[in-house]
């Protein structure tokens, strides 16, 4: 699956989804333990180069049951951060 890029209020949003439990020493992935999420918020310059970015971890009391749920939560959280609705998180400086 390719990267999903969303634009919101002039910023790019990149959902970051990863297994809650890291791969074991034998290389086996533990997708059944759920997924965690973060989001990268970026600003592009006038010449289409990335000028700045910042990663925000999506808070959750427990792992997301599916990668799709984590991706949706990631995008929603990014929009809340951009709108200034998350205490202690800011896009100032982007």
C-alpha atoms as a PDB file:
ATOM      1  CA  UNK A   1       0.000   0.000   0.000  1.00  0.00           C
ATOM      2  CA  UNK A   2       1.347   3.439  -0.877  1.00  0.00           C
ATOM      3  CA  UNK A   3       1.591   6.413   1.395  1.00  0.00           C
ATOM      4  CA  UNK A   4      -1.596   8.355   1.946  1.00  0.00           C
ATOM      5  CA  UNK A   5      -1.096  12.099   1.707  1.00  0.00           C
ATOM      6  CA  UNK A   6      -3.849  14.495   2.679  1.00  0.00           C
ATOM      7  CA  UNK A   7      -3.825  18.258   2.471  1.00  0.00           C
ATOM      8  CA  UNK A   8      -5.570  20.293   5.170  1.00  0.00           C
ATOM      9  CA  UNK A   9      -5.407  24.083   5.534  1.00  0.00           C
ATOM     10  CA  UNK A  10      -2.298  24.240   3.347  1.00  0.00           C
ATOM     11  CA  UNK A  11      -0.396  21.561   5.263  1.00  0.00           C
ATOM     12  CA  UNK A  12       0.319  17.960   4.278  1.00  0.00           C
ATOM     13  CA  UNK A  13      -0.716  15.136   6.596  1.00  0.00           C
ATOM     14  CA  UNK A  14       1.093  11.773   6.512  1.00  0.00           C
ATOM     15  CA  UNK A  15      -0.476   9.071   8.729  1.00  0.00           C
ATOM     16  CA  UNK A  16       2.118   6.817  10.373  1.00  0.00           C
ATOM     17  CA  UNK A  17       0.821   3.407  11.451  1.00  0.00           C
ATOM     18  CA  UNK A  18       2.931   0.672  13.015  1.00  0.00           C
ATOM     19  CA  UNK A  19       2.399  -2.572  14.961  1.00  0.00           C
ATOM     20  CA  UNK A  20       1.920  -2.076  18.701  1.00  0.00           C
ATOM     21  CA  UNK A  21       4.334  -4.905  19.461  1.00  0.00           C
ATOM     22  CA  UNK A  22       7.675  -4.833  17.584  1.00  0.00           C
ATOM     23  CA  UNK A  23       8.808  -7.770  15.470  1.00  0.00           C
ATOM     24  CA  UNK A  24      10.348 -10.585  17.464  1.00  0.00           C
ATOM     25  CA  UNK A  25      13.919 -11.764  17.123  1.00  0.00           C
ATOM     26  CA  UNK A  26      12.665 -14.343  14.629  1.00  0.00           C
ATOM     27  CA  UNK A  27      11.245 -11.558  12.410  1.00  0.00           C
ATOM     28  CA  UNK A  28       7.618 -12.468  13.037  1.00  0.00           C
ATOM     29  CA  UNK A  29       5.297  -9.466  13.128  1.00  0.00           C
ATOM     30  CA  UNK A  30       2.576  -9.339  15.758  1.00  0.00           C
ATOM     31  CA  UNK A  31      -0.282  -7.624  13.951  1.00  0.00           C
ATOM     32  CA  UNK A  32      -2.783  -9.341  16.239  1.00  0.00           C
ATOM     33  CA  UNK A  33      -1.593  -7.126  19.124  1.00  0.00           C
ATOM     34  CA  UNK A  34      -2.993  -4.047  17.339  1.00  0.00           C
ATOM     35  CA  UNK A  35      -1.494  -0.860  15.967  1.00  0.00           C
ATOM     36  CA  UNK A  36      -0.198   2.469  17.235  1.00  0.00           C
ATOM     37  CA  UNK A  37      -0.361   5.703  15.261  1.00  0.00           C
ATOM     38  CA  UNK A  38       1.398   8.995  14.775  1.00  0.00           C
ATOM     39  CA  UNK A  39       1.117  11.697  12.163  1.00  0.00           C
ATOM     40  CA  UNK A  40       3.646  13.815  10.321  1.00  0.00           C
ATOM     41  CA  UNK A  41       2.479  17.341   9.479  1.00  0.00           C
ATOM     42  CA  UNK A  42       4.504  19.142   6.789  1.00  0.00           C
ATOM     43  CA  UNK A  43       4.625  22.485   5.049  1.00  0.00           C
ATOM     44  CA  UNK A  44       5.867  22.780   1.467  1.00  0.00           C
ATOM     45  CA  UNK A  45       7.797  25.744   0.141  1.00  0.00           C
ATOM     46  CA  UNK A  46       7.011  27.686  -3.021  1.00  0.00           C
ATOM     47  CA  UNK A  47       9.409  25.487  -5.011  1.00  0.00           C
ATOM     48  CA  UNK A  48       7.534  22.344  -3.815  1.00  0.00           C
ATOM     49  CA  UNK A  49      10.296  21.273  -1.444  1.00  0.00           C
ATOM     50  CA  UNK A  50       9.437  20.323   2.105  1.00  0.00           C
ATOM     51  CA  UNK A  51      10.395  23.208   4.366  1.00  0.00           C
ATOM     52  CA  UNK A  52       9.440  21.944   7.817  1.00  0.00           C
ATOM     53  CA  UNK A  53       7.688  19.015   9.421  1.00  0.00           C
ATOM     54  CA  UNK A  54       6.809  17.675  12.828  1.00  0.00           C
ATOM     55  CA  UNK A  55       5.618  14.277  14.091  1.00  0.00           C
ATOM     56  CA  UNK A  56       2.830  13.960  16.659  1.00  0.00           C
ATOM     57  CA  UNK A  57       2.003  10.687  18.423  1.00  0.00           C
ATOM     58  CA  UNK A  58      -1.721   9.916  18.467  1.00  0.00           C
ATOM     59  CA  UNK A  59      -2.770   9.312  22.079  1.00  0.00           C
ATOM     60  CA  UNK A  60      -4.777   6.147  22.686  1.00  0.00           C
ATOM     61  CA  UNK A  61      -5.583   4.185  25.834  1.00  0.00           C
ATOM     62  CA  UNK A  62      -5.148   0.920  23.937  1.00  0.00           C
ATOM     63  CA  UNK A  63      -3.837  -0.162  20.527  1.00  0.00           C
ATOM     64  CA  UNK A  64      -6.077   0.279  17.505  1.00  0.00           C
ATOM     65  CA  UNK A  65      -7.600  -3.013  16.367  1.00  0.00           C
ATOM     66  CA  UNK A  66      -6.901  -2.463  12.666  1.00  0.00           C
ATOM     67  CA  UNK A  67      -4.429  -0.457  10.613  1.00  0.00           C
ATOM     68  CA  UNK A  68      -7.308   1.373   8.913  1.00  0.00           C
ATOM     69  CA  UNK A  69      -8.674   2.538  12.274  1.00  0.00           C
ATOM     70  CA  UNK A  70      -5.227   3.838  13.236  1.00  0.00           C
ATOM     71  CA  UNK A  71      -4.917   5.667   9.892  1.00  0.00           C
ATOM     72  CA  UNK A  72      -8.315   7.348  10.336  1.00  0.00           C
ATOM     73  CA  UNK A  73      -7.447   8.375  13.912  1.00  0.00           C
ATOM     74  CA  UNK A  74      -4.117   9.745  12.704  1.00  0.00           C
ATOM     75  CA  UNK A  75      -5.730  11.979  10.096  1.00  0.00           C
ATOM     76  CA  UNK A  76      -8.396  13.176  12.511  1.00  0.00           C
ATOM     77  CA  UNK A  77      -5.805  13.962  15.178  1.00  0.00           C
ATOM     78  CA  UNK A  78      -3.742  15.962  12.678  1.00  0.00           C
ATOM     79  CA  UNK A  79      -6.746  18.097  11.787  1.00  0.00           C
ATOM     80  CA  UNK A  80      -7.416  18.744  15.496  1.00  0.00           C
ATOM     81  CA  UNK A  81      -3.774  19.764  16.058  1.00  0.00           C
ATOM     82  CA  UNK A  82      -3.836  22.069  13.029  1.00  0.00           C
ATOM     83  CA  UNK A  83      -7.084  23.646  14.258  1.00  0.00           C
ATOM     84  CA  UNK A  84      -5.485  24.281  17.686  1.00  0.00           C
ATOM     85  CA  UNK A  85      -7.906  21.984  19.511  1.00  0.00           C
ATOM     86  CA  UNK A  86      -5.308  19.792  21.271  1.00  0.00           C
ATOM     87  CA  UNK A  87      -3.895  21.215  24.502  1.00  0.00           C
ATOM     88  CA  UNK A  88      -0.096  21.165  24.568  1.00  0.00           C
ATOM     89  CA  UNK A  89       0.286  20.510  20.824  1.00  0.00           C
ATOM     90  CA  UNK A  90       0.960  23.210  18.276  1.00  0.00           C
ATOM     91  CA  UNK A  91       2.050  23.635  14.695  1.00  0.00           C
ATOM     92  CA  UNK A  92       3.700  26.963  15.508  1.00  0.00           C
ATOM     93  CA  UNK A  93       6.920  27.207  13.549  1.00  0.00           C
ATOM     94  CA  UNK A  94       5.784  25.061  10.644  1.00  0.00           C
END
